[in-house]
Amino acid sequence: MPKKSNPFDNYVQERLTLIAMNEDEAKQDQSKQSVTVRLTPGQVRLIDTLAKNLEHSRQALLLELITNGINHVAMAYADSCGDKAQEVYRELMDLTSYREGDL
């Protein structure tokens, strides 16, 4: 029987992850790397429209989508690892931490 998730626990976990990521991001501003993604014109129009409606820049919206999306994927992947889910998730989140030489 699948384990039911507690919405409050999920919210707390997501907030803690975002807080940790924001702290790391402040440290990593100088070491950010660019990534190029090729999108269709329709996808770009959709992103631009959503960004405008949400009063964000395209860059800010994409950063939020990628950051939140990759964290959700990491959580889902870790959850699929059964008893090792927490260990796997911690290992994945450790990859996002600042490391010596990142500057």
N, C-alpha and C. Protein backbone atom coordinates (compact mmCIF):
# COMPACT_ATOMS: atom_id res chain seq x y z
N MET A 1 0.84 -1.18 0.00
CA MET A 1 0.00 0.00 0.00
C MET A 1 0.89 1.24 0.00
N PRO A 2 0.66 2.17 -0.92
CA PRO A 2 1.51 3.35 -1.00
C PRO A 2 1.36 4.23 0.24
N LYS A 3 2.47 4.79 0.65
CA LYS A 3 2.49 5.67 1.80
C LYS A 3 1.86 7.01 1.41
N LYS A 4 0.89 7.47 2.25
CA LYS A 4 0.25 8.75 1.98
C LYS A 4 1.19 9.87 2.40
N SER A 5 1.25 10.89 1.59
CA SER A 5 2.13 12.00 1.92
C SER A 5 1.36 13.04 2.72
N ASN A 6 2.02 13.63 3.66
CA ASN A 6 1.45 14.67 4.49
C ASN A 6 1.73 16.00 3.81
N PRO A 7 0.69 16.75 3.44
CA PRO A 7 0.90 18.03 2.73
C PRO A 7 1.76 19.00 3.53
N PHE A 8 1.61 19.03 4.85
CA PHE A 8 2.42 19.94 5.66
C PHE A 8 3.88 19.54 5.61
N ASP A 9 4.15 18.23 5.75
CA ASP A 9 5.54 17.76 5.66
C ASP A 9 6.14 18.09 4.30
N ASN A 10 5.34 17.91 3.25
CA ASN A 10 5.82 18.25 1.90
C ASN A 10 6.14 19.73 1.80
N TYR A 11 5.27 20.57 2.36
CA TYR A 11 5.48 22.02 2.32
C TYR A 11 6.75 22.39 3.08
N VAL A 12 6.90 21.84 4.28
CA VAL A 12 8.09 22.14 5.10
C VAL A 12 9.34 21.70 4.37
N GLN A 13 9.32 20.50 3.80
CA GLN A 13 10.50 20.01 3.07
C GLN A 13 10.84 20.92 1.89
N GLU A 14 9.81 21.32 1.16
CA GLU A 14 10.04 22.19 0.00
C GLU A 14 10.60 23.54 0.44
N ARG A 15 10.06 24.11 1.52
CA ARG A 15 10.54 25.40 2.01
C ARG A 15 11.99 25.28 2.50
N LEU A 16 12.31 24.22 3.22
CA LEU A 16 13.68 24.04 3.70
C LEU A 16 14.65 23.89 2.53
N THR A 17 14.22 23.17 1.51
CA THR A 17 15.05 23.02 0.32
C THR A 17 15.27 24.37 -0.34
N LEU A 18 14.21 25.16 -0.47
CA LEU A 18 14.34 26.48 -1.10
C LEU A 18 15.23 27.41 -0.29
N ILE A 19 15.11 27.36 1.04
CA ILE A 19 15.96 28.20 1.90
C ILE A 19 17.42 27.82 1.71
N ALA A 20 17.69 26.52 1.73
CA ALA A 20 19.07 26.06 1.54
C ALA A 20 19.59 26.46 0.18
N MET A 21 18.73 26.33 -0.83
CA MET A 21 19.16 26.69 -2.19
C MET A 21 19.42 28.19 -2.30
N ASN A 22 18.59 29.01 -1.65
CA ASN A 22 18.80 30.45 -1.70
C ASN A 22 20.11 30.84 -1.03
N GLU A 23 20.43 30.18 0.08
CA GLU A 23 21.71 30.45 0.75
C GLU A 23 22.87 30.05 -0.15
N ASP A 24 22.76 28.90 -0.77
CA ASP A 24 23.81 28.44 -1.68
C ASP A 24 23.91 29.36 -2.89
N GLU A 25 22.76 29.80 -3.38
CA GLU A 25 22.76 30.67 -4.56
C GLU A 25 23.49 31.97 -4.28
N ALA A 26 23.30 32.51 -3.09
CA ALA A 26 23.99 33.75 -2.74
C ALA A 26 25.51 33.55 -2.77
N LYS A 27 25.95 32.36 -2.37
CA LYS A 27 27.38 32.05 -2.40
C LYS A 27 27.88 31.80 -3.82
N GLN A 28 26.99 31.34 -4.66
CA GLN A 28 27.40 30.87 -5.98
C GLN A 28 27.23 31.89 -7.10
N ASP A 29 26.77 33.06 -6.80
CA ASP A 29 26.52 34.03 -7.87
C ASP A 29 27.70 34.18 -8.82
N GLN A 30 28.90 34.18 -8.28
CA GLN A 30 30.08 34.38 -9.11
C GLN A 30 30.42 33.14 -9.95
N SER A 31 29.91 32.00 -9.55
CA SER A 31 30.30 30.78 -10.24
C SER A 31 29.19 30.18 -11.09
N LYS A 32 28.13 30.93 -11.32
CA LYS A 32 27.03 30.37 -12.12
C LYS A 32 27.49 30.08 -13.53
N GLN A 33 26.95 29.00 -14.05
CA GLN A 33 27.30 28.57 -15.40
C GLN A 33 26.07 28.70 -16.28
N SER A 34 26.29 29.02 -17.51
CA SER A 34 25.16 29.13 -18.43
C SER A 34 24.87 27.78 -19.06
N VAL A 35 23.61 27.60 -19.41
CA VAL A 35 23.15 26.40 -20.08
C VAL A 35 22.28 26.86 -21.24
N THR A 36 22.48 26.30 -22.39
CA THR A 36 21.70 26.68 -23.56
C THR A 36 20.64 25.63 -23.83
N VAL A 37 19.42 26.09 -24.04
CA VAL A 37 18.31 25.20 -24.36
C VAL A 37 17.64 25.75 -25.61
N ARG A 38 17.39 24.88 -26.56
CA ARG A 38 16.73 25.30 -27.79
C ARG A 38 15.24 24.97 -27.68
N LEU A 39 14.40 26.00 -27.82
CA LEU A 39 12.96 25.85 -27.70
C LEU A 39 12.28 26.27 -28.99
N THR A 40 11.08 25.80 -29.17
CA THR A 40 10.31 26.22 -30.34
C THR A 40 9.81 27.64 -30.12
N PRO A 41 9.50 28.36 -31.20
CA PRO A 41 8.97 29.72 -31.04
C PRO A 41 7.71 29.75 -30.15
N GLY A 42 6.86 28.73 -30.27
CA GLY A 42 5.65 28.68 -29.44
C GLY A 42 5.97 28.55 -27.96
N GLN A 43 6.98 27.76 -27.63
CA GLN A 43 7.38 27.62 -26.23
C GLN A 43 7.94 28.93 -25.69
N VAL A 44 8.70 29.63 -26.52
CA VAL A 44 9.26 30.92 -26.09
C VAL A 44 8.13 31.92 -25.87
N ARG A 45 7.14 31.94 -26.79
CA ARG A 45 5.99 32.85 -26.61
C ARG A 45 5.25 32.53 -25.31
N LEU A 46 5.07 31.25 -25.03
CA LEU A 46 4.39 30.85 -23.80
C LEU A 46 5.18 31.31 -22.58
N ILE A 47 6.48 31.08 -22.57
CA ILE A 47 7.33 31.51 -21.45
C ILE A 47 7.26 33.02 -21.29
N ASP A 48 7.38 33.75 -22.39
CA ASP A 48 7.35 35.21 -22.32
C ASP A 48 6.01 35.72 -21.80
N THR A 49 4.92 35.10 -22.24
CA THR A 49 3.60 35.53 -21.78
C THR A 49 3.41 35.24 -20.30
N LEU A 50 3.82 34.04 -19.88
CA LEU A 50 3.71 33.70 -18.46
C LEU A 50 4.58 34.64 -17.62
N ALA A 51 5.79 34.89 -18.08
CA ALA A 51 6.69 35.78 -17.33
C ALA A 51 6.07 37.17 -17.20
N LYS A 52 5.53 37.67 -18.28
CA LYS A 52 4.91 39.00 -18.25
C LYS A 52 3.73 39.01 -17.29
N ASN A 53 2.86 37.99 -17.39
CA ASN A 53 1.68 37.94 -16.52
C ASN A 53 2.05 37.77 -15.05
N LEU A 54 3.16 37.11 -14.78
CA LEU A 54 3.62 36.91 -13.41
C LEU A 54 4.56 38.02 -12.94
N GLU A 55 4.78 38.99 -13.83
CA GLU A 55 5.66 40.14 -13.56
C GLU A 55 7.08 39.68 -13.22
N HIS A 56 7.56 38.73 -14.03
CA HIS A 56 8.94 38.24 -13.93
C HIS A 56 9.61 38.48 -15.28
N SER A 57 10.91 38.41 -15.27
CA SER A 57 11.63 38.40 -16.53
C SER A 57 11.63 36.95 -17.04
N ARG A 58 11.95 36.78 -18.30
CA ARG A 58 12.06 35.44 -18.86
C ARG A 58 13.10 34.64 -18.07
N GLN A 59 14.23 35.27 -17.80
CA GLN A 59 15.31 34.60 -17.07
C GLN A 59 14.84 34.16 -15.68
N ALA A 60 14.16 35.05 -14.96
CA ALA A 60 13.70 34.72 -13.61
C ALA A 60 12.70 33.56 -13.63
N LEU A 61 11.78 33.59 -14.59
CA LEU A 61 10.80 32.52 -14.69
C LEU A 61 11.47 31.19 -15.02
N LEU A 62 12.38 31.20 -15.99
CA LEU A 62 13.07 29.97 -16.36
C LEU A 62 13.90 29.42 -15.20
N LEU A 63 14.57 30.31 -14.48
CA LEU A 63 15.37 29.87 -13.33
C LEU A 63 14.47 29.21 -12.29
N GLU A 64 13.32 29.81 -12.02
CA GLU A 64 12.39 29.24 -11.05
C GLU A 64 11.85 27.89 -11.53
N LEU A 65 11.47 27.82 -12.79
CA LEU A 65 10.94 26.56 -13.34
C LEU A 65 11.98 25.45 -13.29
N ILE A 66 13.19 25.76 -13.69
CA ILE A 66 14.25 24.74 -13.70
C ILE A 66 14.60 24.32 -12.28
N THR A 67 14.75 25.29 -11.39
CA THR A 67 15.13 24.98 -10.01
C THR A 67 14.06 24.14 -9.33
N ASN A 68 12.82 24.58 -9.42
CA ASN A 68 11.74 23.82 -8.78
C ASN A 68 11.54 22.48 -9.46
N GLY A 69 11.61 22.47 -10.78
CA GLY A 69 11.40 21.23 -11.52
C GLY A 69 12.45 20.19 -11.21
N ILE A 70 13.70 20.60 -11.17
CA ILE A 70 14.77 19.63 -10.92
C ILE A 70 14.69 19.10 -9.50
N ASN A 71 14.25 19.96 -8.56
CA ASN A 71 14.08 19.48 -7.18
C ASN A 71 12.95 18.47 -7.07
N HIS A 72 11.87 18.70 -7.80
CA HIS A 72 10.76 17.74 -7.80
C HIS A 72 11.20 16.41 -8.44
N VAL A 73 11.97 16.50 -9.50
CA VAL A 73 12.47 15.29 -10.14
C VAL A 73 13.40 14.54 -9.19
N ALA A 74 14.26 15.27 -8.49
CA ALA A 74 15.18 14.64 -7.53
C ALA A 74 14.40 13.94 -6.42
N MET A 75 13.34 14.60 -5.91
CA MET A 75 12.52 13.99 -4.86
C MET A 75 11.83 12.73 -5.38
N ALA A 76 11.27 12.81 -6.57
CA ALA A 76 10.58 11.65 -7.15
C ALA A 76 11.57 10.50 -7.38
N TYR A 77 12.75 10.83 -7.88
CA TYR A 77 13.76 9.81 -8.10
C TYR A 77 14.15 9.16 -6.77
N ALA A 78 14.41 9.99 -5.75
CA ALA A 78 14.80 9.44 -4.45
C ALA A 78 13.68 8.59 -3.87
N ASP A 79 12.44 9.03 -4.01
CA ASP A 79 11.30 8.25 -3.50
C ASP A 79 11.22 6.88 -4.15
N SER A 80 11.68 6.78 -5.38
CA SER A 80 11.64 5.49 -6.08
C SER A 80 12.70 4.52 -5.58
N CYS A 81 13.58 5.00 -4.71
CA CYS A 81 14.67 4.15 -4.20
C CYS A 81 14.30 3.42 -2.91
N GLY A 82 13.03 3.44 -2.55
CA GLY A 82 12.54 2.68 -1.40
C GLY A 82 13.17 3.09 -0.09
N ASP A 83 13.75 2.12 0.61
CA ASP A 83 14.31 2.37 1.95
C ASP A 83 15.48 3.35 1.94
N LYS A 84 16.12 3.51 0.81
CA LYS A 84 17.27 4.41 0.71
C LYS A 84 16.88 5.82 0.26
N ALA A 85 15.58 6.13 0.22
CA ALA A 85 15.10 7.39 -0.34
C ALA A 85 15.76 8.61 0.30
N GLN A 86 15.80 8.65 1.62
CA GLN A 86 16.39 9.82 2.29
C GLN A 86 17.88 9.95 2.00
N GLU A 87 18.58 8.84 2.02
CA GLU A 87 20.02 8.86 1.73
C GLU A 87 20.28 9.34 0.30
N VAL A 88 19.51 8.81 -0.64
CA VAL A 88 19.67 9.21 -2.05
C VAL A 88 19.36 10.68 -2.22
N TYR A 89 18.28 11.15 -1.58
CA TYR A 89 17.91 12.57 -1.69
C TYR A 89 19.01 13.46 -1.12
N ARG A 90 19.55 13.09 0.05
CA ARG A 90 20.64 13.88 0.63
C ARG A 90 21.86 13.92 -0.29
N GLU A 91 22.18 12.80 -0.89
CA GLU A 91 23.32 12.75 -1.82
C GLU A 91 23.07 13.67 -3.02
N LEU A 92 21.85 13.67 -3.54
CA LEU A 92 21.52 14.54 -4.67
C LEU A 92 21.59 16.00 -4.25
N MET A 93 21.07 16.34 -3.08
CA MET A 93 21.09 17.73 -2.63
C MET A 93 22.50 18.18 -2.31
N ASP A 94 23.36 17.26 -1.88
CA ASP A 94 24.76 17.60 -1.65
C ASP A 94 25.43 18.09 -2.94
N LEU A 95 24.97 17.57 -4.07
CA LEU A 95 25.54 17.99 -5.35
C LEU A 95 25.27 19.46 -5.63
N THR A 96 24.20 20.00 -5.05
CA THR A 96 23.84 21.41 -5.30
C THR A 96 24.59 22.36 -4.38
N SER A 97 25.27 21.82 -3.38
CA SER A 97 25.98 22.66 -2.41
C SER A 97 27.24 23.25 -3.02
N TYR A 98 27.61 24.40 -2.51
CA TYR A 98 28.86 25.04 -2.93
C TYR A 98 30.03 24.13 -2.58
N ARG A 99 30.96 24.07 -3.50
CA ARG A 99 32.18 23.28 -3.27
C ARG A 99 33.39 24.14 -3.57
N GLU A 100 34.45 23.86 -2.85
CA GLU A 100 35.72 24.57 -3.09
C GLU A 100 36.09 24.43 -4.57
N GLY A 101 36.47 25.51 -5.18
CA GLY A 101 36.82 25.48 -6.60
C GLY A 101 35.68 25.87 -7.51
N ASP A 102 34.48 26.09 -6.97
CA ASP A 102 33.34 26.47 -7.79
C ASP A 102 33.46 27.90 -8.31
N LEU A 103 34.27 28.70 -7.69
CA LEU A 103 34.40 30.10 -8.14
C LEU A 103 35.23 30.21 -9.38
